[in-house]
Amino acid sequence: MADQPAENILPPAAFFNVMRVSGTNREVFLDLGQLGGQGSVSSLVGRFVTTKEHLRDMITAMQTTLDQMDQAAKEKINVN
């Protein structure tokens, strides 16, 4: 079974703190990088290409997750 892809294995994580968004009529490009000294991009971490529709769904999912995290933090503060 060595020729079958491994399941549930995540690729290595990479930290990024800058993102450039560009695209065409059909695709959106997300270039992720790390800022170096004096504000210059020191390395490109990765490039993601997706559709506008998928990006909208991802933004909604990220906002929902952030809202839930904020709510959980508020509840934790109120309990203490």
C-alpha atoms as a PDB file:
ATOM      1  CA  MET A   1       0.000   0.000   0.000  1.00  0.00           C
ATOM      2  CA  ALA A   2       3.016   2.301  -0.227  1.00  0.00           C
ATOM      3  CA  ASP A   3       1.712   3.949  -3.391  1.00  0.00           C
ATOM      4  CA  GLN A   4      -1.422   5.246  -1.643  1.00  0.00           C
ATOM      5  CA  PRO A   5      -1.264   8.725  -0.089  1.00  0.00           C
ATOM      6  CA  ALA A   6      -1.020   8.857   3.676  1.00  0.00           C
ATOM      7  CA  GLU A   7      -4.177  10.136   5.323  1.00  0.00           C
ATOM      8  CA  ASN A   8      -4.433  12.675   8.130  1.00  0.00           C
ATOM      9  CA  ILE A   9      -0.847  13.877   7.778  1.00  0.00           C
ATOM     10  CA  LEU A  10      -0.524  17.651   7.840  1.00  0.00           C
ATOM     11  CA  PRO A  11       2.206  19.449   5.910  1.00  0.00           C
ATOM     12  CA  PRO A  12       4.782  21.358   7.974  1.00  0.00           C
ATOM     13  CA  ALA A  13       3.517  24.615   9.445  1.00  0.00           C
ATOM     14  CA  ALA A  14       5.139  27.906   8.517  1.00  0.00           C
ATOM     15  CA  PHE A  15       4.755  31.275  10.238  1.00  0.00           C
ATOM     16  CA  PHE A  16       3.800  34.251   8.073  1.00  0.00           C
ATOM     17  CA  ASN A  17       3.135  37.861   8.966  1.00  0.00           C
ATOM     18  CA  VAL A  18       2.529  39.460   5.570  1.00  0.00           C
ATOM     19  CA  MET A  19       0.188  38.553   2.731  1.00  0.00           C
ATOM     20  CA  ARG A  20      -0.262  39.878  -0.784  1.00  0.00           C
ATOM     21  CA  VAL A  21      -3.584  39.226  -2.502  1.00  0.00           C
ATOM     22  CA  SER A  22      -3.918  39.392  -6.286  1.00  0.00           C
ATOM     23  CA  GLY A  23      -5.824  37.536  -8.939  1.00  0.00           C
ATOM     24  CA  THR A  24      -7.590  37.177 -12.238  1.00  0.00           C
ATOM     25  CA  ASN A  25     -11.262  37.051 -13.160  1.00  0.00           C
ATOM     26  CA  ARG A  26     -11.408  33.432 -11.972  1.00  0.00           C
ATOM     27  CA  GLU A  27      -8.636  32.908  -9.434  1.00  0.00           C
ATOM     28  CA  VAL A  28      -7.293  34.568  -6.307  1.00  0.00           C
ATOM     29  CA  PHE A  29      -3.597  34.319  -5.391  1.00  0.00           C
ATOM     30  CA  LEU A  30      -2.513  34.559  -1.759  1.00  0.00           C
ATOM     31  CA  ASP A  31       1.255  35.016  -1.401  1.00  0.00           C
ATOM     32  CA  LEU A  32       2.349  34.529   2.209  1.00  0.00           C
ATOM     33  CA  GLY A  33       5.699  35.738   3.493  1.00  0.00           C
ATOM     34  CA  GLN A  34       7.781  36.760   6.462  1.00  0.00           C
ATOM     35  CA  LEU A  35       8.903  40.321   7.039  1.00  0.00           C
ATOM     36  CA  GLY A  36      12.581  40.754   7.645  1.00  0.00           C
ATOM     37  CA  GLY A  37      14.480  43.718   8.973  1.00  0.00           C
ATOM     38  CA  GLN A  38      13.354  47.210   7.966  1.00  0.00           C
ATOM     39  CA  GLY A  39      10.055  45.936   6.548  1.00  0.00           C
ATOM     40  CA  SER A  40      11.413  43.928   3.635  1.00  0.00           C
ATOM     41  CA  VAL A  41      10.001  40.490   2.845  1.00  0.00           C
ATOM     42  CA  SER A  42      12.735  38.057   3.799  1.00  0.00           C
ATOM     43  CA  SER A  43      11.128  34.883   2.506  1.00  0.00           C
ATOM     44  CA  LEU A  44       8.083  33.662   0.642  1.00  0.00           C
ATOM     45  CA  VAL A  45       6.385  31.012   2.765  1.00  0.00           C
ATOM     46  CA  GLY A  46       3.845  29.814   0.232  1.00  0.00           C
ATOM     47  CA  ARG A  47       1.380  30.624  -2.512  1.00  0.00           C
ATOM     48  CA  PHE A  48      -2.219  29.536  -2.456  1.00  0.00           C
ATOM     49  CA  VAL A  49      -4.497  29.713  -5.468  1.00  0.00           C
ATOM     50  CA  THR A  50      -8.256  29.391  -5.098  1.00  0.00           C
ATOM     51  CA  THR A  51     -11.506  30.650  -6.558  1.00  0.00           C
ATOM     52  CA  LYS A  52     -13.284  33.775  -5.361  1.00  0.00           C
ATOM     53  CA  GLU A  53     -16.174  31.614  -4.158  1.00  0.00           C
ATOM     54  CA  HIS A  54     -13.923  29.378  -2.082  1.00  0.00           C
ATOM     55  CA  LEU A  55     -12.111  32.385  -0.664  1.00  0.00           C
ATOM     56  CA  ARG A  56     -15.422  33.910   0.449  1.00  0.00           C
ATOM     57  CA  ASP A  57     -16.309  30.643   2.206  1.00  0.00           C
ATOM     58  CA  MET A  58     -12.874  30.580   3.879  1.00  0.00           C
ATOM     59  CA  ILE A  59     -13.230  34.177   5.070  1.00  0.00           C
ATOM     60  CA  THR A  60     -16.631  33.336   6.582  1.00  0.00           C
ATOM     61  CA  ALA A  61     -15.168  30.271   8.303  1.00  0.00           C
ATOM     62  CA  MET A  62     -12.222  32.266   9.663  1.00  0.00           C
ATOM     63  CA  GLN A  63     -14.495  35.032  10.960  1.00  0.00           C
ATOM     64  CA  THR A  64     -16.774  32.491  12.635  1.00  0.00           C
ATOM     65  CA  THR A  65     -13.791  30.810  14.288  1.00  0.00           C
ATOM     66  CA  LEU A  66     -12.363  34.139  15.499  1.00  0.00           C
ATOM     67  CA  ASP A  67     -15.759  35.144  16.900  1.00  0.00           C
ATOM     68  CA  GLN A  68     -16.006  31.831  18.772  1.00  0.00           C
ATOM     69  CA  MET A  69     -12.481  32.224  20.136  1.00  0.00           C
ATOM     70  CA  ASP A  70     -13.246  35.772  21.305  1.00  0.00           C
ATOM     71  CA  GLN A  71     -16.451  34.627  22.969  1.00  0.00           C
ATOM     72  CA  ALA A  72     -14.668  31.761  24.724  1.00  0.00           C
ATOM     73  CA  ALA A  73     -11.981  34.175  25.982  1.00  0.00           C
ATOM     74  CA  LYS A  74     -14.645  36.571  27.304  1.00  0.00           C
ATOM     75  CA  GLU A  75     -16.432  33.737  29.093  1.00  0.00           C
ATOM     76  CA  LYS A  76     -13.149  32.568  30.634  1.00  0.00           C
ATOM     77  CA  ILE A  77     -12.421  36.079  31.924  1.00  0.00           C
ATOM     78  CA  ASN A  78     -15.945  36.371  33.398  1.00  0.00           C
ATOM     79  CA  VAL A  79     -15.596  33.026  35.208  1.00  0.00           C
ATOM     80  CA  ASN A  80     -12.342  33.992  36.954  1.00  0.00           C
END
